[in-house]
């Protein structure tokens, strides 16, 4: 009897194809359950992800501290330079945190309370403006009474009382969320410390895994792109943060010198908004001008606006290029487009990360074009 030969590779390939179709169908029909499960998994892993991100951001400062400790030529310090540098770094962070908590935060809270006290003045000015516009015939086709009623309905005593009652009834939920937040912060801190101390072992494991699972060409190109991505991201994030700190301090000093109300809070707002290229500083200047106009007068608001515009020009032409060192080298049109698209889809975080992502895409595109020209020639 002749033995039947079965091509197991052929049938195994067909089996995998059918299973892929079935799994794909199940994924599409049960996408809500799968998305909820993934969201729950990401929520559980969020302290670990945040810890690794935090360690990545602190890696540059930890390296500099470790190199300084290695130069001391003291055997105990050089032997434990990694752990000592991590300890010193976190002690500095905690010290700065408590300084901000004890001195800066109370001032910001007082400024915000005073700023909230200006809301009735702003409201009265807005009502007077609407009344004048109606008198001049601008709102002839609109019912002003209905407009004012809709505008003030959310701030009625009944609605405010209902909101406070709901907030008090959900106090238990707030307490649970706060305890979960504290636990996640503690886990994030522990994970970041371990990641910084044992980063060599983690990177070595990832490198060996890449060598075993990828082909040589893919492994070399992946390592090259990861290195370029790391350089661009780290250079951008660290330089933008340093630039924001410088601009925040300078803006606070300028506003204090001009006797602008809420100078510290507005200066910090300028620094935070400066993290977003182009649009951030413009938005901060407009907000500061409006607040200064209502809290002081038009002349001081105009002076503050001109001073901030001069500071922005100094930052854009002197401070920013000195700190960035031309690392991204992007056309302003590409920056504006990337910020607009990133903000439209991913909010403030998308606006912040859009620029380095655009720089990475530019490098990939340019290298692809160069390789294409080499193959053509």
Protein backbone atom coordinates (compact mmCIF):
# COMPACT_ATOMS: atom_id res chain seq x y z
CA UNK A 1 0.00 0.00 0.00
CA UNK A 2 1.44 3.35 -1.06
CA UNK A 3 2.06 5.80 1.78
CA UNK A 4 0.26 9.15 1.47
CA UNK A 5 2.59 12.15 1.78
CA UNK A 6 1.16 15.19 3.55
CA UNK A 7 2.66 18.64 3.09
CA UNK A 8 2.36 19.79 6.69
CA UNK A 9 3.84 23.25 5.96
CA UNK A 10 1.13 23.85 3.35
CA UNK A 11 -1.73 22.88 5.64
CA UNK A 12 -0.21 24.64 8.66
CA UNK A 13 0.02 27.89 6.66
CA UNK A 14 -3.62 27.54 5.60
CA UNK A 15 -4.61 26.80 9.20
CA UNK A 16 -2.85 29.96 10.43
CA UNK A 17 -4.58 31.99 7.72
CA UNK A 18 -8.03 30.71 8.74
CA UNK A 19 -7.28 31.31 12.43
CA UNK A 20 -6.16 34.87 11.62
CA UNK A 21 -9.48 35.51 9.86
CA UNK A 22 -11.46 34.11 12.82
CA UNK A 23 -9.46 36.12 15.36
CA UNK A 24 -9.80 39.25 13.25
CA UNK A 25 -13.55 38.75 13.02
CA UNK A 26 -13.80 38.27 16.79
CA UNK A 27 -11.73 41.39 17.38
CA UNK A 28 -13.96 43.48 15.12
CA UNK A 29 -17.25 42.19 16.55
CA UNK A 30 -16.10 42.50 20.17
CA UNK A 31 -14.04 45.66 19.88
CA UNK A 32 -15.79 47.34 22.84
CA UNK A 33 -14.93 44.49 25.24
CA UNK A 34 -11.37 44.35 23.95
CA UNK A 35 -10.91 48.13 24.18
CA UNK A 36 -12.28 48.11 27.75
CA UNK A 37 -9.90 45.29 28.67
CA UNK A 38 -6.94 47.14 27.13
CA UNK A 39 -7.94 50.34 28.95
CA UNK A 40 -8.14 48.42 32.24
CA UNK A 41 -4.74 46.82 31.58
CA UNK A 42 -3.17 50.20 30.79
CA UNK A 43 -4.71 51.61 33.98
CA UNK A 44 -3.11 48.81 36.01
CA UNK A 45 0.26 49.24 34.27
CA UNK A 46 0.17 53.06 34.36
CA UNK A 47 2.46 53.37 37.46
CA UNK A 48 5.05 51.16 35.77
CA UNK A 49 4.83 53.03 32.45
CA UNK A 50 5.00 56.40 34.23
CA UNK A 51 7.94 55.18 36.32
CA UNK A 52 9.95 54.20 33.24
CA UNK A 53 9.11 57.52 31.56
CA UNK A 54 10.17 59.43 34.68
CA UNK A 55 13.42 57.45 34.82
CA UNK A 56 14.03 58.17 31.14
CA UNK A 57 13.60 61.90 31.70
CA UNK A 58 15.97 61.85 34.70
CA UNK A 59 18.57 59.71 32.96
CA UNK A 60 20.61 62.65 31.65
CA UNK A 61 20.89 64.34 35.06
CA UNK A 62 21.75 61.01 36.72
CA UNK A 63 24.52 60.37 34.18
CA UNK A 64 26.09 63.76 34.88
CA UNK A 65 26.01 63.18 38.64
CA UNK A 66 27.51 59.72 38.20
CA UNK A 67 30.35 61.06 36.04
CA UNK A 68 31.11 63.70 38.68
CA UNK A 69 31.24 61.03 41.40
CA UNK A 70 33.55 58.86 39.30
CA UNK A 71 36.05 61.75 39.16
CA UNK A 72 36.37 61.88 42.96
CA UNK A 73 38.81 58.91 42.97
CA UNK A 74 37.34 57.74 46.31
CA UNK A 75 36.97 53.97 46.17
CA UNK A 76 33.65 53.71 48.05
CA UNK A 77 32.04 56.52 46.02
CA UNK A 78 33.30 55.24 42.66
CA UNK A 79 32.19 51.69 43.52
CA UNK A 80 28.65 52.81 44.41
CA UNK A 81 28.49 55.81 42.07
CA UNK A 82 25.25 54.67 40.42
CA UNK A 83 23.28 54.28 43.65
CA UNK A 84 24.73 57.44 45.23
CA UNK A 85 23.96 59.52 42.14
CA UNK A 86 20.33 58.28 42.12
CA UNK A 87 20.03 59.07 45.85
CA UNK A 88 21.45 62.59 45.42
CA UNK A 89 19.19 63.24 42.41
CA UNK A 90 16.03 62.28 44.27
CA UNK A 91 17.04 64.23 47.36
CA UNK A 92 17.44 67.33 45.15
CA UNK A 93 14.03 66.68 43.57
CA UNK A 94 12.35 66.27 46.97
CA UNK A 95 14.04 69.41 48.28
CA UNK A 96 12.85 71.45 45.29
CA UNK A 97 9.39 69.94 45.62
CA UNK A 98 9.08 70.97 49.27
CA UNK A 99 10.44 74.44 48.49
CA UNK A 100 7.77 74.90 45.85
CA UNK A 101 5.12 73.44 48.17
CA UNK A 102 6.02 75.75 51.05
CA UNK A 103 6.76 79.02 49.26
CA UNK A 104 5.48 79.07 45.68
CA UNK A 105 2.18 77.19 45.96
CA UNK A 106 0.72 79.46 48.71
CA UNK A 107 1.49 82.53 46.59
CA UNK A 108 -0.14 80.96 43.54
CA UNK A 109 -3.23 80.00 45.55
CA UNK A 110 -3.55 83.57 46.89
CA UNK A 111 -3.16 84.94 43.37
CA UNK A 112 -5.82 82.57 42.04
CA UNK A 113 -8.23 83.54 44.84
CA UNK A 114 -7.70 87.22 44.05
CA UNK A 115 -8.07 86.47 40.36
CA UNK A 116 -11.39 84.71 40.94
CA UNK A 117 -12.51 87.83 42.79
CA UNK A 118 -12.19 89.71 39.51
CA UNK A 119 -14.81 87.55 37.80
CA UNK A 120 -17.75 89.78 38.87
CA UNK A 121 -15.90 92.81 37.46
CA UNK A 122 -15.32 90.96 34.19
CA UNK A 123 -18.96 89.88 34.14
CA UNK A 124 -20.22 93.44 34.68
CA UNK A 125 -17.94 94.74 31.93
CA UNK A 126 -19.24 92.05 29.56
CA UNK A 127 -22.85 92.91 30.38
CA UNK A 128 -22.22 96.62 29.78
CA UNK A 129 -20.55 95.82 26.47
CA UNK A 130 -23.49 93.67 25.36
CA UNK A 131 -25.96 96.38 26.41
CA UNK A 132 -24.07 99.02 24.39
CA UNK A 133 -23.93 96.72 21.36
CA UNK A 134 -27.67 96.12 21.60
CA UNK A 135 -28.30 99.85 21.91
CA UNK A 136 -26.26 100.40 18.75
CA UNK A 137 -28.30 97.80 16.90
CA UNK A 138 -25.75 95.01 16.74
CA UNK A 139 -28.07 92.55 18.51
CA UNK A 140 -31.31 93.56 16.80
CA UNK A 141 -31.99 90.03 15.58
CA UNK A 142 -31.20 88.50 18.98
CA UNK A 143 -33.18 88.38 22.20
CA UNK A 144 -30.80 89.95 24.72
CA UNK A 145 -32.88 88.92 27.70
CA UNK A 146 -32.79 85.28 26.63
CA UNK A 147 -29.06 85.56 25.92
CA UNK A 148 -28.32 86.90 29.42
CA UNK A 149 -30.54 84.27 31.00
CA UNK A 150 -28.69 81.47 29.22
CA UNK A 151 -25.35 83.03 30.09
CA UNK A 152 -26.06 83.28 33.83
CA UNK A 153 -28.15 80.12 34.30
CA UNK A 154 -25.11 77.96 35.07
CA UNK A 155 -24.03 80.34 37.85
CA UNK A 156 -27.40 80.65 39.60
CA UNK A 157 -27.49 79.96 43.38
CA UNK A 158 -29.66 76.87 42.80
CA UNK A 159 -27.15 75.34 40.35
CA UNK A 160 -24.18 76.19 42.55
CA UNK A 161 -25.91 74.62 45.58
CA UNK A 162 -26.70 71.51 43.56
CA UNK A 163 -23.09 71.23 42.38
CA UNK A 164 -21.74 71.55 45.93
CA UNK A 165 -24.25 68.93 47.14
CA UNK A 166 -23.13 66.52 44.43
CA UNK A 167 -19.49 67.18 45.31
CA UNK A 168 -20.14 66.39 48.99
CA UNK A 169 -22.04 63.20 48.17
CA UNK A 170 -19.14 62.04 45.98
CA UNK A 171 -16.60 62.66 48.75
CA UNK A 172 -16.11 58.92 49.16
CA UNK A 173 -15.23 58.57 45.48
CA UNK A 174 -12.78 61.48 45.78
CA UNK A 175 -11.16 59.84 48.82
CA UNK A 176 -10.73 56.53 46.99
CA UNK A 177 -9.31 58.31 43.96
CA UNK A 178 -6.89 60.22 46.17
CA UNK A 179 -5.68 57.05 47.91
CA UNK A 180 -5.26 55.35 44.51
CA UNK A 181 -3.32 58.39 43.27
CA UNK A 182 -0.97 58.27 46.29
CA UNK A 183 -0.38 54.53 45.78
CA UNK A 184 0.32 55.04 42.06
CA UNK A 185 2.77 57.87 42.86
CA UNK A 186 4.59 55.62 45.33
CA UNK A 187 4.82 52.79 42.79
CA UNK A 188 5.99 55.24 40.11
CA UNK A 189 8.75 56.47 42.43
CA UNK A 190 9.92 52.93 43.25
CA UNK A 191 9.88 51.83 39.58
CA UNK A 192 11.80 54.93 38.47
CA UNK A 193 14.48 54.33 41.12
CA UNK A 194 14.91 50.68 40.12
CA UNK A 195 14.96 51.61 36.43
CA UNK A 196 17.76 54.13 36.98
CA UNK A 197 19.82 51.81 39.20
CA UNK A 198 19.48 48.72 36.98
CA UNK A 199 19.19 50.41 33.57
CA UNK A 200 22.33 48.71 32.21
CA UNK A 201 20.85 45.25 32.80
CA UNK A 202 17.50 46.25 31.30
CA UNK A 203 19.12 47.72 28.17
CA UNK A 204 21.42 44.71 27.83
CA UNK A 205 18.43 42.33 27.96
CA UNK A 206 16.55 44.34 25.31
CA UNK A 207 19.66 44.41 23.11
CA UNK A 208 20.17 40.62 23.34
CA UNK A 209 16.47 40.02 22.68
CA UNK A 210 16.68 42.19 19.57
CA UNK A 211 19.75 40.31 18.32
CA UNK A 212 18.03 36.95 18.76
CA UNK A 213 14.64 37.84 17.26
CA UNK A 214 15.62 40.21 14.42
CA UNK A 215 17.77 39.76 11.37
CA UNK A 216 21.13 41.51 11.32
CA UNK A 217 20.07 44.28 8.91
CA UNK A 218 16.82 44.97 10.74
CA UNK A 219 18.63 44.90 14.11
CA UNK A 220 21.28 47.40 12.97
CA UNK A 221 18.76 49.75 11.34
CA UNK A 222 16.41 49.53 14.36
CA UNK A 223 19.25 50.36 16.72
CA UNK A 224 20.21 53.30 14.52
CA UNK A 225 16.66 54.71 14.42
CA UNK A 226 16.14 54.19 18.15
CA UNK A 227 19.36 56.07 18.84
CA UNK A 228 18.31 58.95 16.56
CA UNK A 229 14.83 59.03 18.13
CA UNK A 230 16.30 59.08 21.64
CA UNK A 231 18.65 61.93 20.75
CA UNK A 232 15.91 64.08 19.22
CA UNK A 233 13.31 63.44 21.93
CA UNK A 234 15.70 63.93 24.82
CA UNK A 235 17.27 67.03 23.32
CA UNK A 236 13.87 68.56 22.59
CA UNK A 237 12.25 67.77 25.96
CA UNK A 238 15.23 68.83 28.08
CA UNK A 239 15.86 72.00 26.08
CA UNK A 240 12.18 73.02 26.05
CA UNK A 241 11.96 72.47 29.81
CA UNK A 242 15.10 74.52 30.45
CA UNK A 243 13.88 77.25 28.09
CA UNK A 244 10.48 77.29 29.83
CA UNK A 245 12.15 77.69 33.24
CA UNK A 246 14.28 80.59 31.98
CA UNK A 247 11.33 82.35 30.32
CA UNK A 248 9.09 81.75 33.35
CA UNK A 249 11.65 83.34 35.68
CA UNK A 250 12.31 86.29 33.34
CA UNK A 251 8.59 86.87 32.76
CA UNK A 252 7.93 86.84 36.53
CA UNK A 253 10.74 89.35 37.12
CA UNK A 254 9.47 91.64 34.33
CA UNK A 255 5.88 91.52 35.57
CA UNK A 256 7.01 92.17 39.15
CA UNK A 257 9.07 95.13 37.95
CA UNK A 258 6.02 96.53 36.15
CA UNK A 259 3.85 96.00 39.28
CA UNK A 260 1.49 93.75 37.34
CA UNK A 261 -0.98 91.98 39.67
CA UNK A 262 -0.53 88.21 40.07
CA UNK A 263 2.99 88.49 38.61
CA UNK A 264 4.23 85.12 39.91
CA UNK A 265 1.24 83.14 38.69
CA UNK A 266 1.27 84.86 35.29
CA UNK A 267 5.04 84.33 34.97
CA UNK A 268 4.64 80.61 35.69
CA UNK A 269 1.81 80.51 33.15
CA UNK A 270 4.16 82.05 30.57
CA UNK A 271 6.80 79.41 31.27
CA UNK A 272 4.33 76.52 31.03
CA UNK A 273 2.78 77.81 27.81
CA UNK A 274 6.26 78.36 26.37
CA UNK A 275 6.68 74.56 26.31
CA UNK A 276 4.40 74.62 23.24
CA UNK A 277 6.30 76.23 20.33
CA UNK A 278 4.85 79.29 18.56
CA UNK A 279 1.25 79.20 19.88
CA UNK A 280 2.01 78.77 23.59
CA UNK A 281 3.75 82.09 24.16
CA UNK A 282 1.15 83.95 22.07
CA UNK A 283 -1.69 82.46 24.12
CA UNK A 284 0.04 83.37 27.41
CA UNK A 285 0.61 86.96 26.28
CA UNK A 286 -3.06 87.40 25.33
CA UNK A 287 -4.28 85.95 28.65
CA UNK A 288 -1.87 88.12 30.67
CA UNK A 289 -2.93 91.24 28.76
CA UNK A 290 -6.63 90.58 29.40
CA UNK A 291 -6.08 89.86 33.12
CA UNK A 292 -3.89 92.95 33.53
CA UNK A 293 -6.49 95.09 31.76
CA UNK A 294 -9.26 94.06 34.15
CA UNK A 295 -7.10 94.05 37.30
CA UNK A 296 -5.23 97.32 36.59
CA UNK A 297 -5.65 99.55 33.54
CA UNK A 298 -5.18 99.64 29.79
CA UNK A 299 -1.79 101.37 29.92
CA UNK A 300 -0.26 98.71 32.18
CA UNK A 301 -1.81 95.93 30.07
CA UNK A 302 -0.28 97.43 26.91
CA UNK A 303 3.11 97.83 28.63
CA UNK A 304 3.02 94.21 29.81
CA UNK A 305 2.09 93.01 26.32
CA UNK A 306 4.96 94.93 24.69
CA UNK A 307 7.42 93.67 27.32
CA UNK A 308 6.35 90.04 26.80
CA UNK A 309 6.57 90.42 23.01
CA UNK A 310 10.14 91.72 23.38
CA UNK A 311 10.94 88.78 25.69
CA UNK A 312 9.51 86.37 23.10
CA UNK A 313 11.72 87.89 20.40
CA UNK A 314 14.79 87.55 22.63
CA UNK A 315 13.82 83.95 23.37
CA UNK A 316 13.20 83.10 19.73
CA UNK A 317 16.42 84.66 18.43
CA UNK A 318 18.91 84.30 21.30
CA UNK A 319 17.87 82.12 24.26
CA UNK A 320 16.01 79.37 22.38
CA UNK A 321 18.63 78.75 19.67
CA UNK A 322 21.40 78.76 22.31
CA UNK A 323 19.64 76.07 24.33
CA UNK A 324 18.33 73.99 21.42
CA UNK A 325 21.51 74.26 19.42
CA UNK A 326 19.56 73.83 16.16
CA UNK A 327 18.97 70.16 16.95
CA UNK A 328 15.63 69.88 15.18
CA UNK A 329 16.33 72.11 12.16
CA UNK A 330 12.68 72.24 11.02
CA UNK A 331 10.98 74.69 8.71
CA UNK A 332 8.51 76.93 10.59
CA UNK A 333 5.71 75.83 8.26
CA UNK A 334 6.31 72.16 9.21
CA UNK A 335 6.30 73.13 12.90
CA UNK A 336 2.99 75.01 12.60
CA UNK A 337 1.35 72.17 10.64
CA UNK A 338 2.59 69.51 13.07
CA UNK A 339 1.42 71.49 16.12
CA UNK A 340 -2.01 72.06 14.55
CA UNK A 341 -2.48 68.39 13.66
CA UNK A 342 -1.10 67.16 16.98
CA UNK A 343 -3.32 69.52 18.96
CA UNK A 344 -6.41 68.60 16.95
CA UNK A 345 -6.03 64.86 17.62
CA UNK A 346 -4.17 64.62 20.94
CA UNK A 347 -4.69 67.94 22.73
CA UNK A 348 -1.93 69.78 24.58
CA UNK A 349 0.30 66.68 24.77
CA UNK A 350 -0.02 66.27 21.00
CA UNK A 351 1.00 69.90 20.45
CA UNK A 352 4.06 69.36 22.63
CA UNK A 353 5.19 66.06 21.07
CA UNK A 354 4.29 67.00 17.48
CA UNK A 355 7.55 68.86 16.86
CA UNK A 356 10.02 66.06 17.76
CA UNK A 357 7.85 63.52 15.92
CA UNK A 358 7.92 65.76 12.84
CA UNK A 359 11.72 65.99 13.16
CA UNK A 360 12.00 62.18 13.30
CA UNK A 361 9.73 61.78 10.26
CA UNK A 362 11.84 64.33 8.43
CA UNK A 363 15.04 62.35 9.13
CA UNK A 364 13.40 59.10 8.02
CA UNK A 365 12.11 60.71 4.82
CA UNK A 366 15.45 62.34 3.98
CA UNK A 367 17.35 59.07 4.55
CA UNK A 368 14.84 57.19 2.40
CA UNK A 369 15.28 59.74 -0.39
CA UNK A 370 19.07 59.51 -0.11
CA UNK A 371 18.94 55.69 -0.30
CA UNK A 372 16.61 55.92 -3.29
CA UNK A 373 19.03 58.26 -5.10
CA UNK A 374 21.94 55.91 -4.37
CA UNK A 375 20.07 52.92 -5.80
CA UNK A 376 19.05 54.93 -8.89
CA UNK A 377 22.64 56.00 -9.57
